[in-house]
Protein backbone atom coordinates (compact mmCIF):
# COMPACT_ATOMS: atom_id res chain seq x y z
CA UNK A 1 31.26 54.04 93.89
CA UNK A 2 33.87 54.09 91.18
CA UNK A 3 32.74 55.76 87.95
CA UNK A 4 32.71 53.70 84.77
CA UNK A 5 34.73 55.00 81.84
CA UNK A 6 34.62 53.99 78.23
CA UNK A 7 37.56 51.78 77.26
CA UNK A 8 38.84 51.87 73.69
CA UNK A 9 40.86 49.21 71.93
CA UNK A 10 43.84 51.53 71.72
CA UNK A 11 43.97 51.78 75.53
CA UNK A 12 44.54 48.03 75.75
CA UNK A 13 47.58 48.03 73.47
CA UNK A 14 51.13 48.49 74.67
CA UNK A 15 52.96 51.55 73.36
CA UNK A 16 54.74 50.83 70.11
CA UNK A 17 58.21 52.05 69.34
CA UNK A 18 57.34 52.88 65.76
CA UNK A 19 54.98 55.64 64.65
CA UNK A 20 51.43 54.57 63.74
CA UNK A 21 51.21 55.59 60.10
CA UNK A 22 47.44 55.32 60.16
CA UNK A 23 47.37 58.50 62.23
CA UNK A 24 48.79 60.33 59.23
CA UNK A 25 45.57 59.74 57.26
CA UNK A 26 43.56 62.99 57.34
CA UNK A 27 40.16 63.06 59.03
CA UNK A 28 38.47 63.92 55.74
CA UNK A 29 39.63 60.65 54.20
CA UNK A 30 38.58 58.62 57.25
CA UNK A 31 35.13 60.22 57.06
CA UNK A 32 34.95 59.34 53.38
CA UNK A 33 35.59 55.70 54.28
CA UNK A 34 32.97 55.81 57.04
CA UNK A 35 30.42 57.30 54.62
CA UNK A 36 31.06 54.45 52.20
CA UNK A 37 30.61 51.98 55.06
CA UNK A 38 27.33 53.66 56.10
CA UNK A 39 26.01 50.68 58.14
CA UNK A 40 25.08 52.08 61.56
CA UNK A 41 25.96 48.92 63.45
CA UNK A 42 29.39 48.65 61.82
CA UNK A 43 30.03 52.32 62.49
CA UNK A 44 29.15 51.73 66.13
CA UNK A 45 31.84 49.06 66.30
CA UNK A 46 34.34 51.34 64.57
CA UNK A 47 33.74 54.01 67.19
CA UNK A 48 35.04 51.62 69.85
CA UNK A 49 38.41 51.23 68.11
CA UNK A 50 39.91 54.56 69.18
CA UNK A 51 39.14 57.97 70.59
CA UNK A 52 39.74 59.45 67.17
CA UNK A 53 37.20 57.13 65.52
CA UNK A 54 34.76 57.81 68.33
CA UNK A 55 34.92 61.51 67.58
CA UNK A 56 34.60 61.05 63.79
CA UNK A 57 31.79 58.49 63.53
CA UNK A 58 29.07 60.96 64.67
CA UNK A 59 30.07 63.25 61.78
CA UNK A 60 29.17 60.86 58.93
CA UNK A 61 26.76 62.12 56.26
CA UNK A 62 25.34 58.75 55.20
CA UNK A 63 23.88 56.06 57.45
CA UNK A 64 22.04 52.80 56.84
CA UNK A 65 20.15 51.10 59.65
CA UNK A 66 18.96 47.51 59.21
CA UNK A 67 16.28 46.36 61.63
CA UNK A 68 16.80 42.64 62.11
CA UNK A 69 14.35 41.65 64.83
CA UNK A 70 10.56 41.56 64.81
CA UNK A 71 8.47 41.35 67.98
CA UNK A 72 4.74 40.89 67.41
CA UNK A 73 2.13 41.65 70.02
CA UNK A 74 -1.45 40.50 69.45
CA UNK A 75 -2.67 42.83 72.20
CA UNK A 76 -1.24 45.81 70.31
CA UNK A 77 -3.15 44.72 67.23
CA UNK A 78 -6.38 44.53 69.22
CA UNK A 79 -5.78 47.98 70.70
CA UNK A 80 -5.02 49.46 67.30
CA UNK A 81 -8.22 48.01 65.90
CA UNK A 82 -10.23 49.13 68.89
CA UNK A 83 -11.25 45.55 69.58
CA UNK A 84 -9.78 45.13 73.07
CA UNK A 85 -12.24 45.34 75.91
CA UNK A 86 -15.80 44.14 76.62
CA UNK A 87 -18.30 43.65 73.79
CA UNK A 88 -22.08 43.42 73.83
CA UNK A 89 -23.12 39.78 74.15
CA UNK A 90 -25.52 39.93 71.20
CA UNK A 91 -22.79 41.04 68.83
CA UNK A 92 -20.11 38.57 69.86
CA UNK A 93 -20.15 36.49 66.70
CA UNK A 94 -20.28 39.50 64.38
CA UNK A 95 -17.45 41.23 66.27
CA UNK A 96 -15.36 38.07 66.11
CA UNK A 97 -15.80 37.85 62.34
CA UNK A 98 -15.06 41.54 61.92
CA UNK A 99 -11.92 41.18 64.00
CA UNK A 100 -10.73 38.23 61.91
CA UNK A 101 -11.28 40.19 58.68
CA UNK A 102 -9.48 43.30 59.91
CA UNK A 103 -6.58 41.34 61.34
CA UNK A 104 -6.17 39.53 58.02
CA UNK A 105 -5.72 42.90 56.32
CA UNK A 106 -3.73 44.78 58.98
CA UNK A 107 -1.66 42.06 60.64
CA UNK A 108 1.17 42.31 58.07
CA UNK A 109 1.72 45.91 59.24
CA UNK A 110 1.87 45.03 62.92
CA UNK A 111 5.57 44.25 62.72
CA UNK A 112 6.49 47.83 61.81
CA UNK A 113 6.05 49.41 65.22
CA UNK A 114 7.27 46.28 66.96
CA UNK A 115 10.19 45.99 64.58
CA UNK A 116 11.28 49.50 65.41
CA UNK A 117 11.19 48.65 69.10
CA UNK A 118 13.15 45.47 68.49
CA UNK A 119 16.37 46.81 66.99
CA UNK A 120 19.41 45.41 68.72
CA UNK A 121 22.01 47.46 70.50
CA UNK A 122 24.21 49.98 68.76
CA UNK A 123 24.37 52.70 71.35
CA UNK A 124 26.53 52.43 74.45
CA UNK A 125 24.95 52.97 77.87
CA UNK A 126 27.67 55.36 79.01
CA UNK A 127 28.01 57.65 76.03
CA UNK A 128 29.44 57.25 72.56
CA UNK A 129 28.58 54.31 70.32
CA UNK A 130 28.97 50.57 70.63
CA UNK A 131 26.99 47.71 72.17
CA UNK A 132 26.13 47.49 75.82
CA UNK A 133 27.67 44.81 77.96
CA UNK A 134 26.05 42.46 80.43
CA UNK A 135 24.46 39.08 80.17
CA UNK A 136 21.01 40.12 78.95
CA UNK A 137 20.66 41.15 75.33
CA UNK A 138 19.53 44.75 75.05
CA UNK A 139 17.29 46.26 72.40
CA UNK A 140 17.11 49.85 71.24
CA UNK A 141 14.77 51.76 68.97
CA UNK A 142 16.22 53.22 65.74
CA UNK A 143 15.95 56.70 67.27
CA UNK A 144 18.17 55.53 70.15
CA UNK A 145 20.65 53.87 67.81
CA UNK A 146 20.93 57.03 65.70
CA UNK A 147 20.86 59.61 68.49
CA UNK A 148 24.63 60.16 68.59
CA UNK A 149 24.92 60.70 64.84
CA UNK A 150 24.86 64.48 64.71
CA UNK A 151 25.38 65.18 61.00
CA UNK A 152 23.34 62.61 59.03
CA UNK A 153 22.15 63.94 55.69
CA UNK A 154 21.11 60.74 53.94
CA UNK A 155 19.42 58.01 55.94
CA UNK A 156 18.33 54.61 54.69
CA UNK A 157 16.45 52.18 56.93
CA UNK A 158 15.52 48.60 56.09
CA UNK A 159 12.80 46.48 57.65
CA UNK A 160 13.41 42.71 57.82
CA UNK A 161 10.23 41.72 55.97
CA UNK A 162 7.77 43.26 53.53
CA UNK A 163 4.57 44.86 54.82
CA UNK A 164 1.98 43.44 52.43
CA UNK A 165 1.49 39.68 52.39
CA UNK A 166 1.00 38.17 48.92
CA UNK A 167 0.65 34.69 47.48
CA UNK A 168 3.66 32.95 45.99
CA UNK A 169 4.49 34.21 42.52
CA UNK A 170 2.57 37.47 42.88
CA UNK A 171 4.42 40.66 41.97
CA UNK A 172 3.85 43.74 44.13
CA UNK A 173 6.15 46.77 44.24
CA UNK A 174 5.38 50.26 45.48
CA UNK A 175 7.07 53.58 46.11
CA UNK A 176 5.52 56.49 47.99
CA UNK A 177 6.62 60.06 48.66
CA UNK A 178 5.39 61.75 51.83
CA UNK A 179 5.75 65.22 53.28
CA UNK A 180 3.37 65.79 56.15
CA UNK A 181 1.03 63.46 54.29
CA UNK A 182 0.98 61.48 51.03
CA UNK A 183 2.19 63.36 47.98
CA UNK A 184 2.48 60.59 45.38
CA UNK A 185 2.53 56.81 45.15
CA UNK A 186 3.13 54.34 42.32
CA UNK A 187 2.23 50.64 42.52
CA UNK A 188 3.28 47.90 40.10
CA UNK A 189 1.57 44.53 40.39
CA UNK A 190 1.10 41.26 38.58
CA UNK A 191 -0.73 38.03 39.37
CA UNK A 192 2.14 35.88 38.06
CA UNK A 193 5.65 36.38 36.72
CA UNK A 194 7.21 33.92 34.29
CA UNK A 195 10.96 34.39 34.13
CA UNK A 196 12.84 34.41 30.86
CA UNK A 197 13.63 30.66 30.73
CA UNK A 198 10.02 29.61 31.15
CA UNK A 199 8.57 32.46 29.14
CA UNK A 200 10.77 31.70 26.14
CA UNK A 201 9.29 28.24 25.56
CA UNK A 202 6.90 27.93 22.57
CA UNK A 203 4.10 26.62 24.79
CA UNK A 204 4.35 29.57 27.18
CA UNK A 205 4.54 32.08 24.35
CA UNK A 206 1.47 30.61 22.61
CA UNK A 207 -0.48 30.54 25.87
CA UNK A 208 0.39 34.15 26.59
CA UNK A 209 -0.65 35.22 23.11
CA UNK A 210 -3.98 33.43 23.44
CA UNK A 211 -4.62 34.99 26.84
CA UNK A 212 -3.84 38.46 25.50
CA UNK A 213 -6.27 37.97 22.61
CA UNK A 214 -9.04 36.76 24.92
CA UNK A 215 -8.61 39.29 27.70
CA UNK A 216 -7.89 42.62 26.01
CA UNK A 217 -6.46 44.45 23.05
CA UNK A 218 -3.20 46.26 22.43
CA UNK A 219 -4.71 49.64 23.34
CA UNK A 220 -5.02 48.52 26.95
CA UNK A 221 -8.77 48.02 27.19
CA UNK A 222 -9.75 46.10 30.30
CA UNK A 223 -11.91 43.04 29.52
CA UNK A 224 -15.30 42.57 31.15
CA UNK A 225 -13.98 39.53 33.02
CA UNK A 226 -11.62 41.82 34.95
CA UNK A 227 -14.62 43.20 36.83
CA UNK A 228 -16.46 39.92 37.33
CA UNK A 229 -13.68 37.51 38.34
CA UNK A 230 -12.26 39.58 41.20
CA UNK A 231 -9.50 41.27 39.21
CA UNK A 232 -10.52 44.81 40.14
CA UNK A 233 -11.11 43.85 43.77
CA UNK A 234 -7.59 42.41 43.98
CA UNK A 235 -6.08 45.65 42.66
CA UNK A 236 -8.06 47.65 45.20
CA UNK A 237 -6.67 45.43 47.98
CA UNK A 238 -3.13 45.92 46.64
CA UNK A 239 -3.63 49.69 46.55
CA UNK A 240 -5.11 50.08 50.04
CA UNK A 241 -2.59 47.67 51.58
CA UNK A 242 0.35 49.51 49.99
CA UNK A 243 -0.94 52.89 51.15
CA UNK A 244 -1.43 51.60 54.70
CA UNK A 245 2.12 50.22 54.65
CA UNK A 246 3.53 53.54 53.45
CA UNK A 247 1.50 55.55 55.98
CA UNK A 248 2.65 53.27 58.81
CA UNK A 249 6.30 53.69 57.90
CA UNK A 250 5.84 57.46 57.61
CA UNK A 251 4.31 57.68 61.09
CA UNK A 252 7.27 55.83 62.60
CA UNK A 253 9.76 58.41 61.32
CA UNK A 254 8.41 61.23 63.49
CA UNK A 255 11.04 61.08 66.23
CA UNK A 256 13.98 60.49 63.89
CA UNK A 257 13.15 63.44 61.62
CA UNK A 258 12.60 65.67 64.63
CA UNK A 259 15.94 64.82 66.26
CA UNK A 260 18.11 65.10 63.12
CA UNK A 261 17.84 68.62 61.65
CA UNK A 262 20.59 67.89 59.10
CA UNK A 263 18.55 65.22 57.27
CA UNK A 264 18.07 65.82 53.54
CA UNK A 265 16.86 62.42 52.31
CA UNK A 266 15.19 59.45 54.00
CA UNK A 267 14.33 56.08 52.47
CA UNK A 268 12.56 53.37 54.45
CA UNK A 269 12.67 50.06 52.57
CA UNK A 270 12.38 46.35 53.35
CA UNK A 271 14.70 43.40 52.80
CA UNK A 272 12.39 41.92 50.15
CA UNK A 273 12.37 45.12 48.11
CA UNK A 274 8.59 45.33 48.07
CA UNK A 275 8.12 48.97 49.01
CA UNK A 276 9.97 52.23 49.58
CA UNK A 277 8.89 55.29 51.52
CA UNK A 278 10.93 58.27 50.30
CA UNK A 279 11.34 61.80 51.60
CA UNK A 280 13.52 64.51 50.10
CA UNK A 281 14.63 67.86 51.47
CA UNK A 282 11.32 69.62 50.74
CA UNK A 283 9.27 66.77 52.17
CA UNK A 284 11.33 66.66 55.36
CA UNK A 285 10.98 70.41 55.80
CA UNK A 286 7.21 70.14 55.40
CA UNK A 287 7.13 67.20 57.81
CA UNK A 288 8.79 69.36 60.48
CA UNK A 289 6.77 72.52 59.84
CA UNK A 290 3.23 71.15 59.53
CA UNK A 291 1.38 68.99 62.05
CA UNK A 292 0.97 65.35 61.11
CA UNK A 293 -2.58 64.03 60.82
CA UNK A 294 -2.71 60.59 62.45
CA UNK A 295 -5.39 58.07 61.52
CA UNK A 296 -7.84 57.32 64.30
CA UNK A 297 -7.25 54.06 66.21
CA UNK A 298 -4.13 53.28 64.17
CA UNK A 299 -0.42 54.07 64.43
CA UNK A 300 -0.11 55.53 60.96
CA UNK A 301 -0.52 58.79 59.08
CA UNK A 302 -3.95 59.51 57.66
CA UNK A 303 -4.20 58.94 53.91
CA UNK A 304 -6.03 61.80 52.14
CA UNK A 305 -8.68 61.45 49.44
CA UNK A 306 -6.88 60.48 46.24
CA UNK A 307 -7.22 60.24 42.49
CA UNK A 308 -5.89 57.05 40.92
CA UNK A 309 -4.88 56.22 37.37
CA UNK A 310 -4.95 52.51 36.58
CA UNK A 311 -3.37 50.85 33.55
CA UNK A 312 -3.62 47.15 32.79
CA UNK A 313 -2.17 44.51 30.47
CA UNK A 314 -3.34 40.87 30.51
CA UNK A 315 0.20 39.74 29.63
CA UNK A 316 3.20 42.06 29.45
CA UNK A 317 6.33 40.64 27.84
CA UNK A 318 9.63 42.39 28.57
CA UNK A 319 12.73 42.56 26.41
CA UNK A 320 14.49 39.80 28.37
CA UNK A 321 11.60 37.40 27.80
CA UNK A 322 10.03 37.82 31.23
CA UNK A 323 6.23 37.83 31.18
CA UNK A 324 4.07 39.57 33.77
CA UNK A 325 0.50 38.27 33.84
CA UNK A 326 -2.21 40.66 34.96
CA UNK A 327 0.31 43.52 34.87
CA UNK A 328 -1.11 46.59 36.60
CA UNK A 329 0.22 50.10 37.15
CA UNK A 330 -1.52 52.40 39.63
CA UNK A 331 -0.45 56.02 40.05
CA UNK A 332 -1.90 57.83 43.05
CA UNK A 333 -1.90 61.43 44.17
CA UNK A 334 -4.07 63.46 46.55
CA UNK A 335 -7.18 65.20 45.29
CA UNK A 336 -6.67 68.89 44.62
CA UNK A 337 -5.25 71.27 42.08
CA UNK A 338 -1.50 70.90 41.55
CA UNK A 339 -1.45 68.03 44.03
CA UNK A 340 1.57 65.81 43.60
CA UNK A 341 5.20 65.74 44.61
CA UNK A 342 5.69 68.99 46.48
CA UNK A 343 2.78 70.52 44.56
CA UNK A 344 4.60 69.88 41.29
CA UNK A 345 2.94 69.39 37.95
CA UNK A 346 2.40 66.50 35.60
CA UNK A 347 5.97 66.44 34.30
CA UNK A 348 7.43 65.96 37.77
CA UNK A 349 4.91 63.22 38.54
CA UNK A 350 5.70 61.42 35.26
CA UNK A 351 9.41 61.52 36.08
CA UNK A 352 8.74 60.09 39.52
CA UNK A 353 6.72 57.21 38.03
CA UNK A 354 9.31 56.47 35.36
CA UNK A 355 12.16 56.35 37.89
CA UNK A 356 10.30 54.54 40.68
CA UNK A 357 11.78 51.08 39.99
CA UNK A 358 14.96 49.62 38.54
CA UNK A 359 15.75 46.80 36.13
CA UNK A 360 12.93 45.00 34.34
CA UNK A 361 10.28 46.68 36.48
CA UNK A 362 11.35 50.04 35.10
CA UNK A 363 10.69 48.69 31.61
CA UNK A 364 7.32 47.34 32.75
CA UNK A 365 6.28 50.77 34.04
CA UNK A 366 7.32 52.37 30.75
CA UNK A 367 5.28 49.87 28.73
CA UNK A 368 2.20 50.15 30.94
CA UNK A 369 2.35 53.96 30.89
CA UNK A 370 1.52 53.84 27.16
CA UNK A 371 -1.69 51.92 27.67
CA UNK A 372 -5.21 53.21 28.21
CA UNK A 373 -5.80 55.00 31.51
CA UNK A 374 -8.73 54.33 33.83
CA UNK A 375 -9.57 56.91 36.49
CA UNK A 376 -10.73 56.04 39.99
CA UNK A 377 -11.32 58.00 43.17
CA UNK A 378 -10.76 56.97 46.76
CA UNK A 379 -11.88 58.58 50.00
CA UNK A 380 -9.36 59.32 52.74
CA UNK A 381 -8.87 56.82 55.54
């Protein structure tokens, strides 16, 4: 049987009489261009242009992988929840209700594992990069797509959708740092956001002022109604859901971190910008050196017992006129002395919180950080 060889675009061109001036560009400059390009799928296509490109693409320092296909599997969700299989007849109704409640909380995270399995081709079947041929569309995991990149230092991956489902108009942003387990997490939330045009109207401004007077004072005291109307419960749901999302993303990076010893930074985001899982050089080293503690009956990393600092503002008005109603800032770190980012102190944690978000959300974090702090504790799960 005749062996199959990789065919490059340059092999299909007739020899030219004139010299190809592109060959005079040094490899270092070509690599600089590839690093600016970063997109793994585009780099895979570039590698098919010529033998030279095929040898240079694996040497890029920066790569960005966008996962554009989600495959959900209800059976996987049942298995993860431990609900697949026979149940005692007397508990059928209770089990059904429990299943519905758990699925309502965990279903938004089901796409993560499936989404990783659903990434479309970017790795050739016969070596090198590039898409596979044939009539049937092929799918590859991110680890397979990235396996021929031998020198990645900075990796960014993007999921197609956010992990935590929220109602329309609700603000929820989070950023978490993991080593082997959670080191720090910051969550910014709001029950409603009025953009500058709407917030600038006299009616909106008066309503916001009245709400602020009725629901709290400028020092950041939380009104009694916050505890009785479900406000605190909602923030607890935001916090647990965000931590589960971060822990699920962290668990899915095991194979990639293991197979790429040159990695220095990893960021796993989503197309909606809801959350970011971040790992730096120290976190990646810890991830490799220490065993990962997986949560029982779930494809995620176990979240340790944590201390939480909650700050709240009934209405927070930003400099551009945007108003965030029910603005909430939650800062989380594991229980224990010197717990935080890499065991760092308060200054390092404060810097992480201040720099967690960009644009108006950065200003919101700064304003909320000046308000009264409420301490909470949470068991590991």
